[in-house]
C-alpha atoms as a PDB file:
ATOM      1  CA  MET A   1     135.575  99.341  73.290  1.00  0.00           C
ATOM      2  CA  HIS A   2     132.164  97.954  72.430  1.00  0.00           C
ATOM      3  CA  ARG A   3     130.592  99.301  69.239  1.00  0.00           C
ATOM      4  CA  TRP A   4     126.833  99.465  69.605  1.00  0.00           C
ATOM      5  CA  ASP A   5     124.865  98.034  66.706  1.00  0.00           C
ATOM      6  CA  PHE A   6     121.099  97.686  67.072  1.00  0.00           C
ATOM      7  CA  GLY A   7     120.546  96.739  63.443  1.00  0.00           C
ATOM      8  CA  PRO A   8     120.387  92.964  64.089  1.00  0.00           C
ATOM      9  CA  VAL A   9     118.023  93.598  67.018  1.00  0.00           C
ATOM     10  CA  TRP A  10     115.560  95.614  64.923  1.00  0.00           C
ATOM     11  CA  ALA A  11     115.656  92.836  62.342  1.00  0.00           C
ATOM     12  CA  HIS A  12     114.228  90.492  65.000  1.00  0.00           C
ATOM     13  CA  ALA A  13     111.924  93.042  66.627  1.00  0.00           C
ATOM     14  CA  ASP A  14     108.896  90.894  65.767  1.00  0.00           C
ATOM     15  CA  LEU A  15     110.199  88.110  68.026  1.00  0.00           C
ATOM     16  CA  LEU A  16     110.748  90.503  70.920  1.00  0.00           C
ATOM     17  CA  LEU A  17     107.288  92.013  70.526  1.00  0.00           C
ATOM     18  CA  LEU A  18     105.776  88.528  70.386  1.00  0.00           C
ATOM     19  CA  GLY A  19     107.614  87.706  73.603  1.00  0.00           C
ATOM     20  CA  LEU A  20     106.248  90.867  75.206  1.00  0.00           C
ATOM     21  CA  TRP A  21     102.739  89.872  74.152  1.00  0.00           C
ATOM     22  CA  HIS A  22     103.211  86.431  75.725  1.00  0.00           C
ATOM     23  CA  THR A  23     104.429  88.094  78.925  1.00  0.00           C
ATOM     24  CA  LEU A  24     101.310  90.256  79.029  1.00  0.00           C
ATOM     25  CA  GLN A  25      99.131  87.195  78.373  1.00  0.00           C
ATOM     26  CA  VAL A  26     100.514  85.334  81.384  1.00  0.00           C
ATOM     27  CA  THR A  27     100.268  88.420  83.579  1.00  0.00           C
ATOM     28  CA  GLY A  28      96.702  89.196  82.490  1.00  0.00           C
ATOM     29  CA  THR A  29      95.565  85.596  82.939  1.00  0.00           C
ATOM     30  CA  ALA A  30      97.087  85.417  86.423  1.00  0.00           C
ATOM     31  CA  LEU A  31      95.333  88.632  87.432  1.00  0.00           C
ATOM     32  CA  ALA A  32      92.009  87.584  85.895  1.00  0.00           C
ATOM     33  CA  PHE A  33      91.937  84.364  87.894  1.00  0.00           C
ATOM     34  CA  GLY A  34      94.014  85.427  90.894  1.00  0.00           C
ATOM     35  CA  ILE A  35      91.856  88.343  92.039  1.00  0.00           C
ATOM     36  CA  PRO A  36      88.505  86.494  92.325  1.00  0.00           C
ATOM     37  CA  LEU A  37      90.241  83.417  93.734  1.00  0.00           C
ATOM     38  CA  GLY A  38      92.013  85.652  96.235  1.00  0.00           C
ATOM     39  CA  LEU A  39      88.690  87.116  97.333  1.00  0.00           C
ATOM     40  CA  ALA A  40      87.261  83.615  97.779  1.00  0.00           C
ATOM     41  CA  LEU A  41      90.294  82.593  99.852  1.00  0.00           C
ATOM     42  CA  ALA A  42      90.025  85.749 101.976  1.00  0.00           C
ATOM     43  CA  LEU A  43      86.336  85.186 102.706  1.00  0.00           C
ATOM     44  CA  SER A  44      87.060  81.540 103.536  1.00  0.00           C
ATOM     45  CA  ARG A  45      89.918  82.619 105.820  1.00  0.00           C
ATOM     46  CA  LEU A  46      87.530  84.963 107.645  1.00  0.00           C
ATOM     47  CA  SER A  47      84.803  82.334 107.892  1.00  0.00           C
ATOM     48  CA  PRO A  48      83.919  80.990 111.361  1.00  0.00           C
ATOM     49  CA  ARG A  49      83.780  77.502 109.822  1.00  0.00           C
ATOM     50  CA  ARG A  50      86.983  75.537 110.275  1.00  0.00           C
ATOM     51  CA  LEU A  51      86.376  73.465 107.132  1.00  0.00           C
ATOM     52  CA  LEU A  52      86.664  76.674 105.118  1.00  0.00           C
ATOM     53  CA  ARG A  53      89.142  78.610 107.243  1.00  0.00           C
ATOM     54  CA  TRP A  54      91.887  76.003 107.632  1.00  0.00           C
ATOM     55  CA  PRO A  55      92.235  74.847 103.984  1.00  0.00           C
ATOM     56  CA  ALA A  56      92.201  78.461 102.819  1.00  0.00           C
ATOM     57  CA  GLY A  57      94.889  79.332 105.333  1.00  0.00           C
ATOM     58  CA  ALA A  58      96.995  76.375 104.205  1.00  0.00           C
ATOM     59  CA  VAL A  59      96.808  77.394 100.536  1.00  0.00           C
ATOM     60  CA  ILE A  60      97.686  80.982 101.357  1.00  0.00           C
ATOM     61  CA  GLU A  61     100.677  80.095 103.521  1.00  0.00           C
ATOM     62  CA  VAL A  62     102.077  77.488 101.119  1.00  0.00           C
ATOM     63  CA  PHE A  63     101.980  79.751  98.087  1.00  0.00           C
ATOM     64  CA  ARG A  64     103.212  82.809  99.962  1.00  0.00           C
ATOM     65  CA  THR A  65     106.185  81.090 101.576  1.00  0.00           C
ATOM     66  CA  THR A  66     107.527  78.788  98.836  1.00  0.00           C
ATOM     67  CA  PRO A  67     109.680  80.122  95.963  1.00  0.00           C
ATOM     68  CA  PRO A  68     107.690  80.815  92.777  1.00  0.00           C
ATOM     69  CA  LEU A  69     110.282  78.968  90.690  1.00  0.00           C
ATOM     70  CA  VAL A  70     109.710  75.800  92.728  1.00  0.00           C
ATOM     71  CA  GLN A  71     105.954  76.212  92.275  1.00  0.00           C
ATOM     72  CA  LEU A  72     106.396  76.666  88.531  1.00  0.00           C
ATOM     73  CA  PHE A  73     108.528  73.540  88.234  1.00  0.00           C
ATOM     74  CA  TRP A  74     106.022  71.572  90.309  1.00  0.00           C
ATOM     75  CA  PHE A  75     103.098  72.498  88.077  1.00  0.00           C
ATOM     76  CA  PHE A  76     105.079  71.905  84.898  1.00  0.00           C
ATOM     77  CA  PHE A  77     106.982  68.740  85.785  1.00  0.00           C
ATOM     78  CA  ALA A  78     105.244  67.090  88.766  1.00  0.00           C
ATOM     79  CA  LEU A  79     101.522  67.760  88.313  1.00  0.00           C
ATOM     80  CA  PRO A  80     101.336  66.117  84.849  1.00  0.00           C
ATOM     81  CA  ILE A  81     102.720  62.918  86.409  1.00  0.00           C
ATOM     82  CA  LEU A  82     100.054  62.955  89.126  1.00  0.00           C
ATOM     83  CA  ILE A  83      97.072  63.646  86.864  1.00  0.00           C
ATOM     84  CA  ASP A  84      98.456  62.043  83.685  1.00  0.00           C
ATOM     85  CA  VAL A  85      97.760  65.121  81.568  1.00  0.00           C
ATOM     86  CA  GLU A  86     100.225  66.943  79.359  1.00  0.00           C
ATOM     87  CA  MET A  87     100.945  70.438  80.660  1.00  0.00           C
ATOM     88  CA  THR A  88     101.917  73.185  78.242  1.00  0.00           C
ATOM     89  CA  PRO A  89     104.274  75.935  79.450  1.00  0.00           C
ATOM     90  CA  PHE A  90     101.484  78.525  79.238  1.00  0.00           C
ATOM     91  CA  VAL A  91      99.028  76.464  81.288  1.00  0.00           C
ATOM     92  CA  ALA A  92     101.679  75.693  83.915  1.00  0.00           C
ATOM     93  CA  ALA A  93     102.634  79.370  84.130  1.00  0.00           C
ATOM     94  CA  ALA A  94      99.005  80.521  84.299  1.00  0.00           C
ATOM     95  CA  LEU A  95      98.195  78.021  87.071  1.00  0.00           C
ATOM     96  CA  THR A  96     101.284  78.879  89.073  1.00  0.00           C
ATOM     97  CA  PHE A  97     100.942  82.636  88.992  1.00  0.00           C
ATOM     98  CA  SER A  98      97.159  82.619  89.325  1.00  0.00           C
ATOM     99  CA  ILE A  99      97.271  80.645  92.566  1.00  0.00           C
ATOM    100  CA  GLN A 100     100.348  82.455  93.855  1.00  0.00           C
ATOM    101  CA  SER A 101      98.725  85.817  93.134  1.00  0.00           C
ATOM    102  CA  ALA A 102      95.511  84.615  94.762  1.00  0.00           C
ATOM    103  CA  ALA A 103      97.449  83.827  97.951  1.00  0.00           C
ATOM    104  CA  PHE A 104      98.874  87.354  98.093  1.00  0.00           C
ATOM    105  CA  PHE A 105      95.609  89.007  97.051  1.00  0.00           C
ATOM    106  CA  ALA A 106      93.793  87.021  99.740  1.00  0.00           C
ATOM    107  CA  GLU A 107      95.858  88.665 102.462  1.00  0.00           C
ATOM    108  CA  VAL A 108      95.305  92.072 100.881  1.00  0.00           C
ATOM    109  CA  PHE A 109      91.550  91.445 100.752  1.00  0.00           C
ATOM    110  CA  ARG A 110      91.518  90.175 104.313  1.00  0.00           C
ATOM    111  CA  GLY A 111      93.411  93.199 105.588  1.00  0.00           C
ATOM    112  CA  GLY A 112      91.109  95.573 103.741  1.00  0.00           C
ATOM    113  CA  ILE A 113      87.942  93.895 104.972  1.00  0.00           C
ATOM    114  CA  VAL A 114      89.126  93.782 108.571  1.00  0.00           C
ATOM    115  CA  SER A 115      90.076  97.472 108.403  1.00  0.00           C
ATOM    116  CA  VAL A 116      86.468  98.539 107.759  1.00  0.00           C
ATOM    117  CA  GLU A 117      84.961  99.795 110.984  1.00  0.00           C
ATOM    118  CA  ARG A 118      82.506  97.539 112.776  1.00  0.00           C
ATOM    119  CA  GLY A 119      79.951 100.334 112.711  1.00  0.00           C
ATOM    120  CA  GLN A 120      79.688  99.984 108.926  1.00  0.00           C
ATOM    121  CA  TRP A 121      78.583  96.381 109.356  1.00  0.00           C
ATOM    122  CA  GLU A 122      76.075  97.315 112.023  1.00  0.00           C
ATOM    123  CA  ALA A 123      74.687 100.169 109.919  1.00  0.00           C
ATOM    124  CA  GLY A 124      74.116  97.834 107.000  1.00  0.00           C
ATOM    125  CA  ARG A 125      72.390  95.279 109.186  1.00  0.00           C
ATOM    126  CA  ALA A 126      70.240  98.032 110.693  1.00  0.00           C
ATOM    127  CA  LEU A 127      69.021  98.860 107.172  1.00  0.00           C
ATOM    128  CA  GLY A 128      67.810  95.293 106.775  1.00  0.00           C
ATOM    129  CA  MET A 129      70.666  93.965 104.652  1.00  0.00           C
ATOM    130  CA  THR A 130      71.852  90.382 104.879  1.00  0.00           C
ATOM    131  CA  PRO A 131      75.528  89.750 105.745  1.00  0.00           C
ATOM    132  CA  ARG A 132      76.272  89.080 102.057  1.00  0.00           C
ATOM    133  CA  GLN A 133      74.611  92.305 101.025  1.00  0.00           C
ATOM    134  CA  VAL A 134      76.538  94.245 103.638  1.00  0.00           C
ATOM    135  CA  MET A 135      79.773  92.713 102.367  1.00  0.00           C
ATOM    136  CA  ARG A 136      78.981  93.417  98.723  1.00  0.00           C
ATOM    137  CA  ARG A 137      77.403  96.880  99.033  1.00  0.00           C
ATOM    138  CA  VAL A 138      79.088  98.421 102.062  1.00  0.00           C
ATOM    139  CA  VAL A 139      82.308  96.692 103.082  1.00  0.00           C
ATOM    140  CA  LEU A 140      83.976  95.673  99.810  1.00  0.00           C
ATOM    141  CA  PRO A 141      83.653  99.084  98.075  1.00  0.00           C
ATOM    142  CA  GLN A 142      85.415 100.727 101.023  1.00  0.00           C
ATOM    143  CA  ALA A 143      87.940  97.926 101.385  1.00  0.00           C
ATOM    144  CA  VAL A 144      88.887  97.925  97.693  1.00  0.00           C
ATOM    145  CA  GLN A 145      89.748 101.610  97.771  1.00  0.00           C
ATOM    146  CA  ARG A 146      92.046 101.030 100.739  1.00  0.00           C
ATOM    147  CA  MET A 147      93.581  97.946  99.113  1.00  0.00           C
ATOM    148  CA  LEU A 148      94.238  99.538  95.732  1.00  0.00           C
ATOM    149  CA  PRO A 149      97.897 100.532  96.315  1.00  0.00           C
ATOM    150  CA  ALA A 150      98.756  96.996  97.452  1.00  0.00           C
ATOM    151  CA  PHE A 151      96.864  95.502  94.507  1.00  0.00           C
ATOM    152  CA  LEU A 152      98.690  97.662  91.998  1.00  0.00           C
ATOM    153  CA  GLU A 153     102.055  96.938  93.563  1.00  0.00           C
ATOM    154  CA  ARG A 154     101.365  93.209  93.421  1.00  0.00           C
ATOM    155  CA  ALA A 155     100.309  93.406  89.757  1.00  0.00           C
ATOM    156  CA  ILE A 156     103.579  95.112  88.870  1.00  0.00           C
ATOM    157  CA  GLU A 157     105.592  92.582  90.873  1.00  0.00           C
ATOM    158  CA  LEU A 158     103.712  89.798  89.113  1.00  0.00           C
ATOM    159  CA  MET A 159     104.881  90.961  85.710  1.00  0.00           C
ATOM    160  CA  LYS A 160     108.478  90.954  86.939  1.00  0.00           C
ATOM    161  CA  THR A 161     108.072  87.469  88.364  1.00  0.00           C
ATOM    162  CA  THR A 162     106.746  86.084  85.068  1.00  0.00           C
ATOM    163  CA  THR A 163     110.301  86.214  83.699  1.00  0.00           C
ATOM    164  CA  LEU A 164     110.687  82.826  85.412  1.00  0.00           C
ATOM    165  CA  VAL A 165     108.575  81.207  82.688  1.00  0.00           C
ATOM    166  CA  ALA A 166     111.611  81.292  80.406  1.00  0.00           C
ATOM    167  CA  THR A 167     112.990  78.401  82.490  1.00  0.00           C
ATOM    168  CA  ILE A 168     110.232  76.110  81.161  1.00  0.00           C
ATOM    169  CA  SER A 169     110.720  77.314  77.577  1.00  0.00           C
ATOM    170  CA  TYR A 170     107.674  79.548  77.402  1.00  0.00           C
ATOM    171  CA  ALA A 171     108.379  82.162  74.749  1.00  0.00           C
ATOM    172  CA  ASP A 172     108.035  85.263  76.896  1.00  0.00           C
ATOM    173  CA  LEU A 173     110.097  88.402  76.376  1.00  0.00           C
ATOM    174  CA  LEU A 174     113.121  87.108  78.306  1.00  0.00           C
ATOM    175  CA  PHE A 175     113.094  83.776  76.439  1.00  0.00           C
ATOM    176  CA  GLN A 176     112.827  85.500  73.068  1.00  0.00           C
ATOM    177  CA  ALA A 177     115.556  87.963  73.984  1.00  0.00           C
ATOM    178  CA  ASN A 178     117.860  85.063  74.776  1.00  0.00           C
ATOM    179  CA  GLU A 179     117.001  83.431  71.439  1.00  0.00           C
ATOM    180  CA  VAL A 180     117.676  86.645  69.513  1.00  0.00           C
ATOM    181  CA  ALA A 181     120.938  87.201  71.403  1.00  0.00           C
ATOM    182  CA  GLN A 182     122.159  83.753  70.355  1.00  0.00           C
ATOM    183  CA  LYS A 183     121.195  84.380  66.722  1.00  0.00           C
ATOM    184  CA  THR A 184     122.717  87.851  66.451  1.00  0.00           C
ATOM    185  CA  PHE A 185     125.657  87.542  68.862  1.00  0.00           C
ATOM    186  CA  ARG A 186     124.557  90.919  70.225  1.00  0.00           C
ATOM    187  CA  PRO A 187     123.526  90.168  73.828  1.00  0.00           C
ATOM    188  CA  LEU A 188     124.286  93.676  75.085  1.00  0.00           C
ATOM    189  CA  GLU A 189     121.986  95.333  72.561  1.00  0.00           C
ATOM    190  CA  VAL A 190     119.290  92.658  72.778  1.00  0.00           C
ATOM    191  CA  PHE A 191     118.976  92.667  76.554  1.00  0.00           C
ATOM    192  CA  THR A 192     119.158  96.450  76.634  1.00  0.00           C
ATOM    193  CA  VAL A 193     116.140  96.610  74.330  1.00  0.00           C
ATOM    194  CA  ALA A 194     114.378  93.926  76.401  1.00  0.00           C
ATOM    195  CA  ALA A 195     115.023  95.914  79.585  1.00  0.00           C
ATOM    196  CA  LEU A 196     113.667  99.064  77.942  1.00  0.00           C
ATOM    197  CA  LEU A 197     110.507  97.209  76.869  1.00  0.00           C
ATOM    198  CA  TYR A 198     109.959  95.987  80.426  1.00  0.00           C
ATOM    199  CA  PHE A 199     110.586  99.507  81.734  1.00  0.00           C
ATOM    200  CA  VAL A 200     108.152 101.161  79.318  1.00  0.00           C
ATOM    201  CA  VAL A 201     105.348  98.708  80.076  1.00  0.00           C
ATOM    202  CA  ILE A 202     105.825  98.526  83.851  1.00  0.00           C
ATOM    203  CA  TYR A 203     106.457 102.240  84.312  1.00  0.00           C
ATOM    204  CA  GLY A 204     103.487 103.063  82.085  1.00  0.00           C
ATOM    205  CA  ALA A 205     101.311 100.700  84.130  1.00  0.00           C
ATOM    206  CA  SER A 206     102.491 102.323  87.358  1.00  0.00           C
ATOM    207  CA  LEU A 207     101.605 105.803  86.039  1.00  0.00           C
ATOM    208  CA  LEU A 208      98.129 104.629  85.045  1.00  0.00           C
ATOM    209  CA  ALA A 209      97.734 102.993  88.444  1.00  0.00           C
ATOM    210  CA  GLN A 210      98.703 106.196  90.239  1.00  0.00           C
ATOM    211  CA  ALA A 211      96.266 108.221  88.143  1.00  0.00           C
ATOM    212  CA  PHE A 212      93.492 105.719  88.886  1.00  0.00           C
ATOM    213  CA  GLU A 213      94.342 105.794  92.583  1.00  0.00           C
ATOM    214  CA  ARG A 214      94.167 109.598  92.660  1.00  0.00           C
ATOM    215  CA  ARG A 215      90.831 109.531  90.860  1.00  0.00           C
ATOM    216  CA  LEU A 216      89.407 107.100  93.390  1.00  0.00           C
ATOM    217  CA  ALA A 217      90.716 109.230  96.249  1.00  0.00           C
ATOM    218  CA  VAL A 218      89.023 112.324  94.815  1.00  0.00           C
ATOM    219  CA  SER A 219      85.753 110.482  94.270  1.00  0.00           C
ATOM    220  CA  GLY A 220      85.944 109.125  97.796  1.00  0.00           C
ATOM    221  CA  GLU A 221      86.388 112.605  99.220  1.00  0.00           C
ATOM    222  CA  GLY A 222      83.410 113.810  97.199  1.00  0.00           C
ATOM    223  CA  MET A 223      81.223 111.051  98.597  1.00  0.00           C
ATOM    224  CA  THR A 224      82.110 111.950 102.180  1.00  0.00           C
ATOM    225  CA  ARG A 225      81.118 115.595 101.795  1.00  0.00           C
END
């Protein structure tokens, strides 16, 4: 029977916490770049101009339909050969998950924008607003509230997907857990602690997201009264 011993794990807790910090860095960077890029792709996809609509559609479909691990390997191993620039694991991971997130966020943005009633557009134009002003002041605020659940779900899924960065030797939580397990010969305890760290962060983020969603729903109801 296995005798649990977390002593060696606590002795290397600093490595696990550093790995968790690296995981959060990749996730935060991907969200910071993926959301605005996703909005740009969505607006380009909705554009009547083919030169904007078709390339945006191609980027969205490619990054939504190809495995993220293949994308990660391409950015880390193939892209440096094409552009003759050394690619660090963090940069490769940030590029991969930023663009992949942008592709998913683009479809969320597009769905939210399309869901806004046509009368909202016409009302904004009747008040003398330009199409950009209508989009920024009328359509997007309503669309974002409707898109919030999908956004939050994608952000949580993104953090789970970042575990793939361990395959290119980026020192995220999974990579560090594997290192500690090899040093301590306590894989059961190490990966149990790693799983608990993922659970605490992701579950905590989901609770905050739900609270934020409820707050927005209440504020939205107040505005309609």
